[in-house]
C-alpha atoms as a PDB file:
ATOM      1  CA  MET A   1     -28.261  -7.294  -1.544  1.00  0.00           C
ATOM      2  CA  ALA A   2     -24.832  -8.187  -0.105  1.00  0.00           C
ATOM      3  CA  THR A   3     -22.166  -5.488   0.027  1.00  0.00           C
ATOM      4  CA  THR A   4     -19.922  -7.515  -2.293  1.00  0.00           C
ATOM      5  CA  ASP A   5     -22.711  -7.707  -4.868  1.00  0.00           C
ATOM      6  CA  THR A   6     -23.288  -3.970  -4.625  1.00  0.00           C
ATOM      7  CA  ILE A   7     -19.607  -3.263  -5.260  1.00  0.00           C
ATOM      8  CA  ALA A   8     -19.507  -5.628  -8.237  1.00  0.00           C
ATOM      9  CA  GLU A   9     -22.604  -4.084  -9.802  1.00  0.00           C
ATOM     10  CA  LEU A  10     -21.351  -0.519  -9.280  1.00  0.00           C
ATOM     11  CA  VAL A  11     -18.029  -1.278 -10.951  1.00  0.00           C
ATOM     12  CA  GLU A  12     -19.698  -3.038 -13.890  1.00  0.00           C
ATOM     13  CA  ALA A  13     -22.421  -0.428 -14.358  1.00  0.00           C
ATOM     14  CA  ASN A  14     -19.958   2.480 -14.281  1.00  0.00           C
ATOM     15  CA  GLY A  15     -17.346   1.003 -16.570  1.00  0.00           C
ATOM     16  CA  GLY A  16     -14.606   0.447 -14.020  1.00  0.00           C
ATOM     17  CA  ALA A  17     -13.224   0.969 -10.543  1.00  0.00           C
ATOM     18  CA  ALA A  18     -13.195   4.793 -10.631  1.00  0.00           C
ATOM     19  CA  VAL A  19     -16.727   4.772  -9.192  1.00  0.00           C
ATOM     20  CA  LEU A  20     -15.289   3.503  -5.893  1.00  0.00           C
ATOM     21  CA  ASP A  21     -13.842   6.965  -5.166  1.00  0.00           C
ATOM     22  CA  GLY A  22     -17.309   8.115  -4.121  1.00  0.00           C
ATOM     23  CA  ILE A  23     -18.278   5.298  -1.753  1.00  0.00           C
ATOM     24  CA  HIS A  24     -17.051   3.825   1.528  1.00  0.00           C
ATOM     25  CA  LEU A  25     -17.333   0.848   3.844  1.00  0.00           C
ATOM     26  CA  PRO A  26     -19.308   1.665   7.002  1.00  0.00           C
ATOM     27  CA  TYR A  27     -18.807   0.517  10.555  1.00  0.00           C
ATOM     28  CA  ALA A  28     -21.510  -1.673  12.090  1.00  0.00           C
ATOM     29  CA  ASP A  29     -23.004   1.634  13.269  1.00  0.00           C
ATOM     30  CA  PRO A  30     -23.108   3.744  10.066  1.00  0.00           C
ATOM     31  CA  ARG A  31     -23.331   6.942  12.135  1.00  0.00           C
ATOM     32  CA  SER A  32     -19.683   6.418  13.079  1.00  0.00           C
ATOM     33  CA  GLY A  33     -18.545   7.479   9.598  1.00  0.00           C
ATOM     34  CA  PRO A  34     -16.459   5.495   7.115  1.00  0.00           C
ATOM     35  CA  ALA A  35     -14.446   2.490   8.270  1.00  0.00           C
ATOM     36  CA  ALA A  36     -12.569   2.362   4.967  1.00  0.00           C
ATOM     37  CA  LYS A  37     -12.443   3.943   1.529  1.00  0.00           C
ATOM     38  CA  PHE A  38     -10.926   2.762  -1.729  1.00  0.00           C
ATOM     39  CA  GLY A  39      -7.917   3.985  -3.672  1.00  0.00           C
ATOM     40  CA  LEU A  40      -4.501   3.246  -5.095  1.00  0.00           C
ATOM     41  CA  ARG A  41      -1.726   2.507  -2.646  1.00  0.00           C
ATOM     42  CA  ALA A  42       2.008   1.819  -2.696  1.00  0.00           C
ATOM     43  CA  GLU A  43       4.286   0.545   0.039  1.00  0.00           C
ATOM     44  CA  LEU A  44       8.073   0.216   0.158  1.00  0.00           C
ATOM     45  CA  TYR A  45      10.032  -1.700   2.802  1.00  0.00           C
ATOM     46  CA  LEU A  46      13.490  -0.229   3.226  1.00  0.00           C
ATOM     47  CA  PRO A  47      17.002  -1.549   3.911  1.00  0.00           C
ATOM     48  CA  ASP A  48      18.752  -0.926   7.225  1.00  0.00           C
ATOM     49  CA  ILE A  49      21.043   1.891   6.076  1.00  0.00           C
ATOM     50  CA  ASP A  50      22.575   4.907   7.812  1.00  0.00           C
ATOM     51  CA  ARG A  51      19.771   6.706   9.661  1.00  0.00           C
ATOM     52  CA  SER A  52      20.841  10.159   8.501  1.00  0.00           C
ATOM     53  CA  MET A  53      20.579   9.009   4.879  1.00  0.00           C
ATOM     54  CA  LEU A  54      17.261   7.293   5.547  1.00  0.00           C
ATOM     55  CA  ARG A  55      15.892  10.459   7.151  1.00  0.00           C
ATOM     56  CA  THR A  56      16.927  12.496   4.120  1.00  0.00           C
ATOM     57  CA  GLN A  57      15.078   9.985   1.973  1.00  0.00           C
ATOM     58  CA  ALA A  58      12.057  10.325   4.279  1.00  0.00           C
ATOM     59  CA  ALA A  59      11.982  14.096   3.706  1.00  0.00           C
ATOM     60  CA  ASP A  60      12.337  13.505  -0.052  1.00  0.00           C
ATOM     61  CA  PHE A  61       9.483  10.997  -0.036  1.00  0.00           C
ATOM     62  CA  LEU A  62       7.051  13.321   1.749  1.00  0.00           C
ATOM     63  CA  HIS A  63       8.035  16.344  -0.302  1.00  0.00           C
ATOM     64  CA  ASP A  64       7.776  14.469  -3.596  1.00  0.00           C
ATOM     65  CA  PHE A  65       4.273  13.367  -2.625  1.00  0.00           C
ATOM     66  CA  TRP A  66       3.247  16.986  -2.049  1.00  0.00           C
ATOM     67  CA  LEU A  67       4.803  17.997  -5.365  1.00  0.00           C
ATOM     68  CA  MET A  68       2.579  15.450  -7.130  1.00  0.00           C
ATOM     69  CA  TYR A  69      -0.624  16.767  -5.511  1.00  0.00           C
ATOM     70  CA  PRO A  70       0.069  20.346  -4.315  1.00  0.00           C
ATOM     71  CA  ASP A  71      -3.568  21.392  -4.668  1.00  0.00           C
ATOM     72  CA  SER A  72      -4.870  18.443  -2.639  1.00  0.00           C
ATOM     73  CA  VAL A  73      -2.310  17.763   0.114  1.00  0.00           C
ATOM     74  CA  ASN A  74      -2.345  20.378   2.894  1.00  0.00           C
ATOM     75  CA  GLU A  75      -1.948  18.657   6.286  1.00  0.00           C
ATOM     76  CA  PHE A  76       1.281  17.594   8.053  1.00  0.00           C
ATOM     77  CA  LEU A  77       1.365  15.166  10.966  1.00  0.00           C
ATOM     78  CA  GLN A  78       4.554  15.702  12.939  1.00  0.00           C
ATOM     79  CA  ARG A  79       6.307  13.071  14.998  1.00  0.00           C
ATOM     80  CA  ASP A  80       4.628  12.321  18.342  1.00  0.00           C
ATOM     81  CA  LYS A  81       1.604  14.498  17.499  1.00  0.00           C
ATOM     82  CA  LYS A  82      -1.955  13.213  17.507  1.00  0.00           C
ATOM     83  CA  ARG A  83      -3.418  15.793  15.133  1.00  0.00           C
ATOM     84  CA  ALA A  84      -2.245  16.968  11.734  1.00  0.00           C
ATOM     85  CA  LYS A  85      -1.857  20.698  11.118  1.00  0.00           C
ATOM     86  CA  LYS A  86      -2.900  22.439   7.939  1.00  0.00           C
ATOM     87  CA  PHE A  87      -0.276  24.272   5.919  1.00  0.00           C
ATOM     88  CA  SER A  88      -0.086  26.345   2.772  1.00  0.00           C
ATOM     89  CA  GLY A  89       2.793  26.526   0.330  1.00  0.00           C
ATOM     90  CA  ASP A  90       5.804  24.227   0.173  1.00  0.00           C
ATOM     91  CA  PRO A  91       6.104  22.074   3.352  1.00  0.00           C
ATOM     92  CA  ARG A  92       9.736  21.041   2.790  1.00  0.00           C
ATOM     93  CA  SER A  93      11.231  23.305   5.463  1.00  0.00           C
ATOM     94  CA  ALA A  94       8.651  22.207   8.054  1.00  0.00           C
ATOM     95  CA  ILE A  95       9.310  18.535   7.267  1.00  0.00           C
ATOM     96  CA  GLU A  96      13.079  18.955   7.553  1.00  0.00           C
ATOM     97  CA  ALA A  97      12.752  20.942  10.796  1.00  0.00           C
ATOM     98  CA  ASP A  98      10.590  18.240  12.353  1.00  0.00           C
ATOM     99  CA  ILE A  99      12.981  15.487  11.300  1.00  0.00           C
ATOM    100  CA  SER A 100      16.080  17.335  12.546  1.00  0.00           C
ATOM    101  CA  SER A 101      14.560  18.072  15.958  1.00  0.00           C
ATOM    102  CA  TYR A 102      15.195  14.468  17.027  1.00  0.00           C
ATOM    103  CA  ALA A 103      18.459  12.534  17.188  1.00  0.00           C
ATOM    104  CA  ALA A 104      18.914  10.274  14.178  1.00  0.00           C
ATOM    105  CA  GLU A 105      19.229   7.084  16.235  1.00  0.00           C
ATOM    106  CA  THR A 106      15.729   7.573  17.702  1.00  0.00           C
ATOM    107  CA  GLY A 107      14.025   7.022  14.355  1.00  0.00           C
ATOM    108  CA  TYR A 108      11.245   9.114  12.870  1.00  0.00           C
ATOM    109  CA  SER A 109       7.588   8.961  11.832  1.00  0.00           C
ATOM    110  CA  GLY A 110       5.537  11.547   9.944  1.00  0.00           C
ATOM    111  CA  ALA A 111       2.780  11.907   7.376  1.00  0.00           C
ATOM    112  CA  LEU A 112       1.092  14.202   4.857  1.00  0.00           C
ATOM    113  CA  PHE A 113      -2.657  14.162   4.216  1.00  0.00           C
ATOM    114  CA  GLY A 114      -5.239  15.544   1.837  1.00  0.00           C
ATOM    115  CA  ARG A 115      -8.989  15.197   2.287  1.00  0.00           C
ATOM    116  CA  VAL A 116     -11.718  14.693  -0.301  1.00  0.00           C
ATOM    117  CA  ASP A 117     -15.350  15.449   0.535  1.00  0.00           C
ATOM    118  CA  ILE A 118     -17.613  12.562  -0.477  1.00  0.00           C
ATOM    119  CA  GLY A 119     -20.652  13.969   1.291  1.00  0.00           C
ATOM    120  CA  LEU A 120     -20.351  12.371   4.732  1.00  0.00           C
ATOM    121  CA  PRO A 121     -21.142  14.322   7.908  1.00  0.00           C
ATOM    122  CA  ASN A 122     -18.453  12.466   9.860  1.00  0.00           C
ATOM    123  CA  ASP A 123     -15.356  11.611   7.841  1.00  0.00           C
ATOM    124  CA  ASP A 124     -11.874  11.103   9.308  1.00  0.00           C
ATOM    125  CA  ILE A 125     -10.236   9.267   6.380  1.00  0.00           C
ATOM    126  CA  PRO A 126      -8.015  11.426   4.147  1.00  0.00           C
ATOM    127  CA  VAL A 127      -7.725   9.697   0.784  1.00  0.00           C
ATOM    128  CA  TYR A 128      -4.371  11.325   0.058  1.00  0.00           C
ATOM    129  CA  GLN A 129      -1.846   9.892   2.510  1.00  0.00           C
ATOM    130  CA  ALA A 130       1.933   9.610   2.648  1.00  0.00           C
ATOM    131  CA  ASN A 131       3.078   7.782   5.784  1.00  0.00           C
ATOM    132  CA  LEU A 132       6.532   6.713   6.855  1.00  0.00           C
ATOM    133  CA  LEU A 133       8.347   5.059   9.713  1.00  0.00           C
ATOM    134  CA  VAL A 134      12.129   5.120  10.108  1.00  0.00           C
ATOM    135  CA  ASN A 135      12.873   2.685  12.909  1.00  0.00           C
ATOM    136  CA  ARG A 136      15.336   3.281  15.719  1.00  0.00           C
ATOM    137  CA  VAL A 137      18.957   2.221  15.365  1.00  0.00           C
ATOM    138  CA  GLY A 138      19.204  -1.395  16.485  1.00  0.00           C
ATOM    139  CA  ASP A 139      15.522  -2.134  15.874  1.00  0.00           C
ATOM    140  CA  MET A 140      15.144  -5.294  13.803  1.00  0.00           C
ATOM    141  CA  ASP A 141      11.814  -4.268  12.249  1.00  0.00           C
ATOM    142  CA  LEU A 142      11.758  -2.829   8.745  1.00  0.00           C
ATOM    143  CA  SER A 143      11.379   0.871   8.045  1.00  0.00           C
ATOM    144  CA  PHE A 144       8.786   1.726   5.408  1.00  0.00           C
ATOM    145  CA  PHE A 145       7.236   4.414   3.212  1.00  0.00           C
ATOM    146  CA  ASP A 146       3.660   4.153   1.950  1.00  0.00           C
ATOM    147  CA  ALA A 147       1.279   6.390   0.014  1.00  0.00           C
ATOM    148  CA  SER A 148      -2.328   6.338  -1.117  1.00  0.00           C
ATOM    149  CA  THR A 149      -4.428   8.426  -3.500  1.00  0.00           C
ATOM    150  CA  PRO A 150      -7.907   8.382  -5.014  1.00  0.00           C
ATOM    151  CA  LEU A 151      -8.410   5.923  -7.838  1.00  0.00           C
ATOM    152  CA  ALA A 152      -9.046   8.539 -10.480  1.00  0.00           C
ATOM    153  CA  SER A 153      -8.923  12.194 -11.423  1.00  0.00           C
ATOM    154  CA  ALA A 154     -11.996  14.438 -11.333  1.00  0.00           C
ATOM    155  CA  SER A 155     -12.650  13.451 -14.970  1.00  0.00           C
ATOM    156  CA  GLY A 156     -12.705   9.739 -14.071  1.00  0.00           C
ATOM    157  CA  GLN A 157      -9.298   8.875 -15.537  1.00  0.00           C
ATOM    158  CA  LEU A 158      -7.612   6.208 -13.409  1.00  0.00           C
ATOM    159  CA  HIS A 159      -4.299   7.293 -11.904  1.00  0.00           C
ATOM    160  CA  THR A 160      -2.668   3.984 -12.814  1.00  0.00           C
ATOM    161  CA  GLU A 161      -0.155   5.344 -15.354  1.00  0.00           C
ATOM    162  CA  LEU A 162       1.003   7.886 -12.793  1.00  0.00           C
ATOM    163  CA  LEU A 163       1.219   5.154 -10.153  1.00  0.00           C
ATOM    164  CA  LEU A 164       3.440   3.040 -12.388  1.00  0.00           C
ATOM    165  CA  LYS A 165       5.699   5.974 -13.231  1.00  0.00           C
ATOM    166  CA  ARG A 166       6.067   7.120  -9.628  1.00  0.00           C
ATOM    167  CA  PHE A 167       6.491   3.607  -8.206  1.00  0.00           C
ATOM    168  CA  LEU A 168       9.324   2.860 -10.616  1.00  0.00           C
ATOM    169  CA  ALA A 169      10.936   6.205  -9.786  1.00  0.00           C
ATOM    170  CA  CYS A 170      10.682   5.547  -6.036  1.00  0.00           C
ATOM    171  CA  CYS A 171      12.174   2.073  -6.405  1.00  0.00           C
ATOM    172  CA  GLN A 172      15.103   3.489  -8.367  1.00  0.00           C
ATOM    173  CA  ARG A 173      15.594   6.296  -5.857  1.00  0.00           C
ATOM    174  CA  PHE A 174      15.104   4.472  -2.541  1.00  0.00           C
ATOM    175  CA  ARG A 175      16.057   0.908  -3.540  1.00  0.00           C
ATOM    176  CA  PRO A 176      13.621  -0.945  -1.285  1.00  0.00           C
ATOM    177  CA  LEU A 177      14.080  -4.525  -0.174  1.00  0.00           C
ATOM    178  CA  HIS A 178      10.592  -5.143  -1.532  1.00  0.00           C
ATOM    179  CA  GLY A 179       7.215  -3.472  -1.948  1.00  0.00           C
ATOM    180  CA  SER A 180       3.968  -3.408  -3.904  1.00  0.00           C
ATOM    181  CA  ALA A 181       1.328  -1.108  -5.383  1.00  0.00           C
ATOM    182  CA  GLY A 182      -2.213  -1.324  -6.757  1.00  0.00           C
ATOM    183  CA  PHE A 183      -5.842  -1.272  -5.614  1.00  0.00           C
ATOM    184  CA  SER A 184      -6.267  -1.019  -1.858  1.00  0.00           C
ATOM    185  CA  PHE A 185      -8.440  -0.046   1.071  1.00  0.00           C
ATOM    186  CA  ILE A 186      -7.649   3.278   2.746  1.00  0.00           C
ATOM    187  CA  VAL A 187      -8.253   3.681   6.477  1.00  0.00           C
ATOM    188  CA  CYS A 188      -7.941   6.387   9.117  1.00  0.00           C
ATOM    189  CA  PRO A 189      -4.250   7.078   9.867  1.00  0.00           C
ATOM    190  CA  GLY A 190      -3.021   4.919  12.706  1.00  0.00           C
ATOM    191  CA  MET A 191      -6.021   2.564  12.500  1.00  0.00           C
ATOM    192  CA  SER A 192      -6.372  -0.981  11.223  1.00  0.00           C
ATOM    193  CA  GLN A 193      -9.206  -1.866   8.871  1.00  0.00           C
ATOM    194  CA  ASN A 194     -12.231  -2.266  11.108  1.00  0.00           C
ATOM    195  CA  SER A 195     -15.227  -2.931   8.892  1.00  0.00           C
ATOM    196  CA  VAL A 196     -17.386  -6.026   9.071  1.00  0.00           C
ATOM    197  CA  TYR A 197     -17.419  -5.925   5.252  1.00  0.00           C
ATOM    198  CA  ALA A 198     -13.661  -5.692   4.598  1.00  0.00           C
ATOM    199  CA  LEU A 199     -12.838  -9.402   4.755  1.00  0.00           C
ATOM    200  CA  GLN A 200     -15.845 -10.210   2.541  1.00  0.00           C
ATOM    201  CA  LEU A 201     -14.518  -7.841  -0.119  1.00  0.00           C
ATOM    202  CA  MET A 202     -10.946  -9.078   0.202  1.00  0.00           C
ATOM    203  CA  ASN A 203     -12.100 -12.664  -0.281  1.00  0.00           C
ATOM    204  CA  ARG A 204     -14.267 -11.850  -3.300  1.00  0.00           C
ATOM    205  CA  PHE A 205     -12.044  -9.266  -5.039  1.00  0.00           C
ATOM    206  CA  PRO A 206      -8.457 -10.556  -4.842  1.00  0.00           C
ATOM    207  CA  GLY A 207      -7.008  -7.390  -6.392  1.00  0.00           C
ATOM    208  CA  PHE A 208      -7.611  -5.442  -3.170  1.00  0.00           C
ATOM    209  CA  ASP A 209      -4.641  -4.921  -0.860  1.00  0.00           C
ATOM    210  CA  PHE A 210      -4.998  -3.336   2.559  1.00  0.00           C
ATOM    211  CA  PRO A 211      -2.880  -0.943   4.669  1.00  0.00           C
ATOM    212  CA  SER A 212      -0.870  -3.190   6.959  1.00  0.00           C
ATOM    213  CA  ALA A 213       2.726  -1.940   6.862  1.00  0.00           C
ATOM    214  CA  VAL A 214       3.038  -1.636  10.644  1.00  0.00           C
ATOM    215  CA  ASP A 215       1.486  -5.063  11.237  1.00  0.00           C
ATOM    216  CA  PHE A 216       3.670  -6.689   8.590  1.00  0.00           C
ATOM    217  CA  THR A 217       6.916  -5.229   9.939  1.00  0.00           C
ATOM    218  CA  MET A 218       6.031  -6.402  13.447  1.00  0.00           C
ATOM    219  CA  GLU A 219       5.185  -9.899  12.233  1.00  0.00           C
ATOM    220  CA  ALA A 220       8.258 -10.191   9.991  1.00  0.00           C
ATOM    221  CA  GLY A 221      10.627  -8.832  12.650  1.00  0.00           C
ATOM    222  CA  GLY A 222      14.194  -9.509  11.570  1.00  0.00           C
ATOM    223  CA  VAL A 223      13.137 -11.368   8.409  1.00  0.00           C
ATOM    224  CA  HIS A 224      13.907  -8.867   5.661  1.00  0.00           C
ATOM    225  CA  ASP A 225      14.036 -11.092   2.588  1.00  0.00           C
ATOM    226  CA  ARG A 226      10.407 -12.168   2.415  1.00  0.00           C
ATOM    227  CA  ILE A 227       7.520 -10.242   0.817  1.00  0.00           C
ATOM    228  CA  LYS A 228       4.003  -9.682   2.148  1.00  0.00           C
ATOM    229  CA  SER A 229       2.145 -10.412  -1.076  1.00  0.00           C
ATOM    230  CA  VAL A 230       1.889  -9.411  -4.714  1.00  0.00           C
ATOM    231  CA  ASN A 231      -0.227  -6.671  -6.236  1.00  0.00           C
ATOM    232  CA  TRP A 232      -0.387  -5.089  -9.680  1.00  0.00           C
ATOM    233  CA  LEU A 233       3.174  -3.904  -9.082  1.00  0.00           C
ATOM    234  CA  THR A 234       5.593  -5.957  -6.994  1.00  0.00           C
ATOM    235  CA  ALA A 235       9.093  -4.681  -6.195  1.00  0.00           C
ATOM    236  CA  LEU A 236      11.920  -7.117  -5.465  1.00  0.00           C
ATOM    237  CA  GLY A 237      15.377  -5.969  -4.418  1.00  0.00           C
ATOM    238  CA  ASP A 238      18.528  -7.539  -5.840  1.00  0.00           C
ATOM    239  CA  GLU A 239      18.816 -10.144  -3.069  1.00  0.00           C
ATOM    240  CA  LEU A 240      15.330 -11.469  -3.795  1.00  0.00           C
ATOM    241  CA  VAL A 241      15.990 -11.468  -7.538  1.00  0.00           C
ATOM    242  CA  VAL A 242      19.018 -13.678  -6.928  1.00  0.00           C
ATOM    243  CA  GLN A 243      17.006 -16.020  -4.690  1.00  0.00           C
ATOM    244  CA  LEU A 244      14.469 -16.403  -7.510  1.00  0.00           C
ATOM    245  CA  GLY A 245      17.103 -17.374 -10.070  1.00  0.00           C
ATOM    246  CA  GLY A 246      18.149 -14.031 -11.526  1.00  0.00           C
ATOM    247  CA  LEU A 247      16.735 -11.558 -14.010  1.00  0.00           C
ATOM    248  CA  ALA A 248      16.947 -13.835 -17.060  1.00  0.00           C
ATOM    249  CA  THR A 249      15.058 -16.609 -15.275  1.00  0.00           C
ATOM    250  CA  MET A 250      12.468 -14.124 -14.135  1.00  0.00           C
ATOM    251  CA  ARG A 251      11.884 -12.748 -17.628  1.00  0.00           C
ATOM    252  CA  GLN A 252      11.597 -16.246 -19.085  1.00  0.00           C
ATOM    253  CA  ALA A 253       9.040 -17.281 -16.465  1.00  0.00           C
ATOM    254  CA  LEU A 254       6.910 -14.125 -16.432  1.00  0.00           C
ATOM    255  CA  GLU A 255       7.014 -12.359 -19.791  1.00  0.00           C
ATOM    256  CA  PRO A 256       5.079 -11.526 -21.906  1.00  0.00           C
ATOM    257  CA  ALA A 257       2.040 -11.915 -19.605  1.00  0.00           C
ATOM    258  CA  CYS A 258       3.793  -9.760 -17.007  1.00  0.00           C
ATOM    259  CA  THR A 259       6.286  -6.988 -17.657  1.00  0.00           C
ATOM    260  CA  VAL A 260       9.556  -7.085 -15.732  1.00  0.00           C
ATOM    261  CA  HIS A 261      10.987  -3.584 -15.186  1.00  0.00           C
ATOM    262  CA  ALA A 262      14.663  -3.774 -14.219  1.00  0.00           C
ATOM    263  CA  TYR A 263      16.287  -0.873 -12.371  1.00  0.00           C
ATOM    264  CA  ASP A 264      19.565  -0.313 -10.539  1.00  0.00           C
ATOM    265  CA  GLY A 265      18.783  -2.186  -7.329  1.00  0.00           C
ATOM    266  CA  GLY A 266      16.076  -4.645  -8.302  1.00  0.00           C
ATOM    267  CA  VAL A 267      13.018  -5.248 -10.457  1.00  0.00           C
ATOM    268  CA  VAL A 268       9.320  -4.420 -10.525  1.00  0.00           C
ATOM    269  CA  ILE A 269       6.900  -7.070 -11.780  1.00  0.00           C
ATOM    270  CA  GLN A 270       3.897  -5.475 -13.513  1.00  0.00           C
ATOM    271  CA  ALA A 271       1.027  -7.977 -13.536  1.00  0.00           C
ATOM    272  CA  GLY A 272      -0.742  -6.928 -16.726  1.00  0.00           C
ATOM    273  CA  PRO A 273      -1.258  -3.562 -18.441  1.00  0.00           C
ATOM    274  CA  THR A 274      -3.689  -2.248 -15.795  1.00  0.00           C
ATOM    275  CA  PRO A 275      -4.591  -3.252 -12.215  1.00  0.00           C
ATOM    276  CA  ARG A 276      -7.469  -5.699 -11.815  1.00  0.00           C
ATOM    277  CA  LEU A 277      -9.901  -6.351  -8.981  1.00  0.00           C
ATOM    278  CA  GLY A 278     -10.934  -9.783 -10.225  1.00  0.00           C
ATOM    279  CA  ASP A 279     -13.972 -11.589  -8.822  1.00  0.00           C
ATOM    280  CA  ALA A 280     -13.579 -14.940  -7.084  1.00  0.00           C
ATOM    281  CA  TYR A 281     -17.353 -15.498  -7.239  1.00  0.00           C
ATOM    282  CA  ALA A 282     -17.124 -15.455 -11.045  1.00  0.00           C
ATOM    283  CA  ASN A 283     -13.902 -17.517 -11.072  1.00  0.00           C
ATOM    284  CA  ASP A 284     -12.097 -14.399 -12.307  1.00  0.00           C
ATOM    285  CA  ILE A 285      -8.671 -14.577 -10.681  1.00  0.00           C
ATOM    286  CA  PRO A 286      -6.397 -12.356 -12.811  1.00  0.00           C
ATOM    287  CA  ALA A 287      -3.980 -14.685 -14.574  1.00  0.00           C
ATOM    288  CA  GLU A 288      -1.096 -12.198 -14.467  1.00  0.00           C
ATOM    289  CA  TYR A 289      -1.442 -11.772 -10.690  1.00  0.00           C
ATOM    290  CA  ARG A 290      -1.571 -15.554 -10.327  1.00  0.00           C
ATOM    291  CA  LEU A 291       1.605 -15.927 -12.381  1.00  0.00           C
ATOM    292  CA  ALA A 292       3.449 -13.293 -10.333  1.00  0.00           C
ATOM    293  CA  ALA A 293       2.286 -14.872  -7.065  1.00  0.00           C
ATOM    294  CA  ARG A 294       3.310 -18.380  -8.041  1.00  0.00           C
ATOM    295  CA  PHE A 295       6.724 -17.247  -9.206  1.00  0.00           C
ATOM    296  CA  THR A 296       7.414 -15.260  -6.024  1.00  0.00           C
ATOM    297  CA  ARG A 297       5.975 -17.882  -3.652  1.00  0.00           C
ATOM    298  CA  PRO A 298       9.470 -19.041  -2.517  1.00  0.00           C
ATOM    299  CA  VAL A 299      10.176 -15.561  -1.098  1.00  0.00           C
ATOM    300  CA  ARG A 300       6.762 -14.950   0.475  1.00  0.00           C
ATOM    301  CA  PHE A 301       6.519 -14.480   4.235  1.00  0.00           C
ATOM    302  CA  GLU A 302       4.145 -16.937   5.903  1.00  0.00           C
ATOM    303  CA  ASP A 303       5.510 -17.333   9.426  1.00  0.00           C
ATOM    304  CA  TYR A 304       2.786 -15.300  11.131  1.00  0.00           C
ATOM    305  CA  ASP A 305       2.202 -15.382  14.871  1.00  0.00           C
ATOM    306  CA  GLU A 306      -1.152 -13.608  14.636  1.00  0.00           C
ATOM    307  CA  GLY A 307      -1.995 -12.066  11.250  1.00  0.00           C
ATOM    308  CA  LEU A 308      -2.414  -8.818   9.376  1.00  0.00           C
ATOM    309  CA  PHE A 309      -6.042  -7.760   9.750  1.00  0.00           C
ATOM    310  CA  ARG A 310      -9.058  -8.026  12.009  1.00  0.00           C
ATOM    311  CA  VAL A 311     -11.587 -10.769  11.403  1.00  0.00           C
ATOM    312  CA  PRO A 312     -15.037 -11.659  12.810  1.00  0.00           C
ATOM    313  CA  LYS A 313     -14.955 -13.338  16.227  1.00  0.00           C
ATOM    314  CA  ASP A 314     -15.750 -16.775  14.827  1.00  0.00           C
ATOM    315  CA  LEU A 315     -12.684 -16.753  12.525  1.00  0.00           C
ATOM    316  CA  ASN A 316      -8.970 -17.158  13.198  1.00  0.00           C
ATOM    317  CA  LYS A 317      -6.853 -14.113  12.331  1.00  0.00           C
ATOM    318  CA  ARG A 318      -3.750 -16.066  11.345  1.00  0.00           C
ATOM    319  CA  GLU A 319      -5.667 -18.585   9.237  1.00  0.00           C
ATOM    320  CA  GLU A 320      -7.555 -15.863   7.371  1.00  0.00           C
ATOM    321  CA  THR A 321      -4.310 -13.986   6.731  1.00  0.00           C
ATOM    322  CA  LEU A 322      -2.704 -17.083   5.235  1.00  0.00           C
ATOM    323  CA  LYS A 323      -5.769 -17.736   3.076  1.00  0.00           C
ATOM    324  CA  TRP A 324      -5.592 -14.188   1.793  1.00  0.00           C
ATOM    325  CA  ILE A 325      -1.901 -14.113   0.933  1.00  0.00           C
ATOM    326  CA  ARG A 326      -2.351 -17.452  -0.877  1.00  0.00           C
ATOM    327  CA  ARG A 327      -5.381 -16.224  -2.845  1.00  0.00           C
ATOM    328  CA  PHE A 328      -3.590 -16.329  -6.207  1.00  0.00           C
ATOM    329  CA  ASP A 329      -2.044 -19.780  -5.686  1.00  0.00           C
END
């Protein structure tokens, strides 16, 4: 049975996507451990503001993530370190000390992690992740924050209501240029997705996003007013809202199928009451995602030199990336 069929049957037999918390995508050699897991993920691409302010926001972002999951998040990856260190208690002072030990103009990167045992002897993918990159002064690439969590609580309740609440709060607080949140792959920190099965799943289940913030910022370069793609939640800053005709036009085009959440600094498009995986093999392309994608198409980035993810040797990385970002068209 194909991996895509196995995933589809597991989700259907277990009443939803929460079952994916306990499985993984293997490498070609399964002894190497998981190549990817599944979860909920959010990413925010940030404006080029004063670096001291952006660093304060970076500390807030990491600390807020720990406050949401204090019993699960217990590792801190400092700037320029290869290994995360475990901690106990509130990590705020350690985060601030690490950030302040470098001059503001040099930028900053850091992360918090939390691991979940799914019964693998070799497992280097923490499902709880909060990663950030504040770029150097003068660097044209976007800075970003991203975070991932398991799909559900121990009782099987999807974390989607919490994701919506926190994503809206982060958009209000950090006022990103754009961003998105929903179902996603989760990979080892610092690694690209590297499973022979990933592209198969992405092509069949259009609701899956993948962790590509670094790749996207490098591809987009100085282009800051174009989005990567849509997901269940899609954030658009004020400039993009204006380019798309304004809030009233947006509401008229999208509601009631989608919900448009306005905040001071932009909007979040919610594509339906809950996130959907869909299934292209069954001609199940979520209509709300399709509507959001078609409406935001004028502000979608497509000028790729290479692409966002690895593909089999007989495929073209750029062409597969463009097919994927156009999957709801």
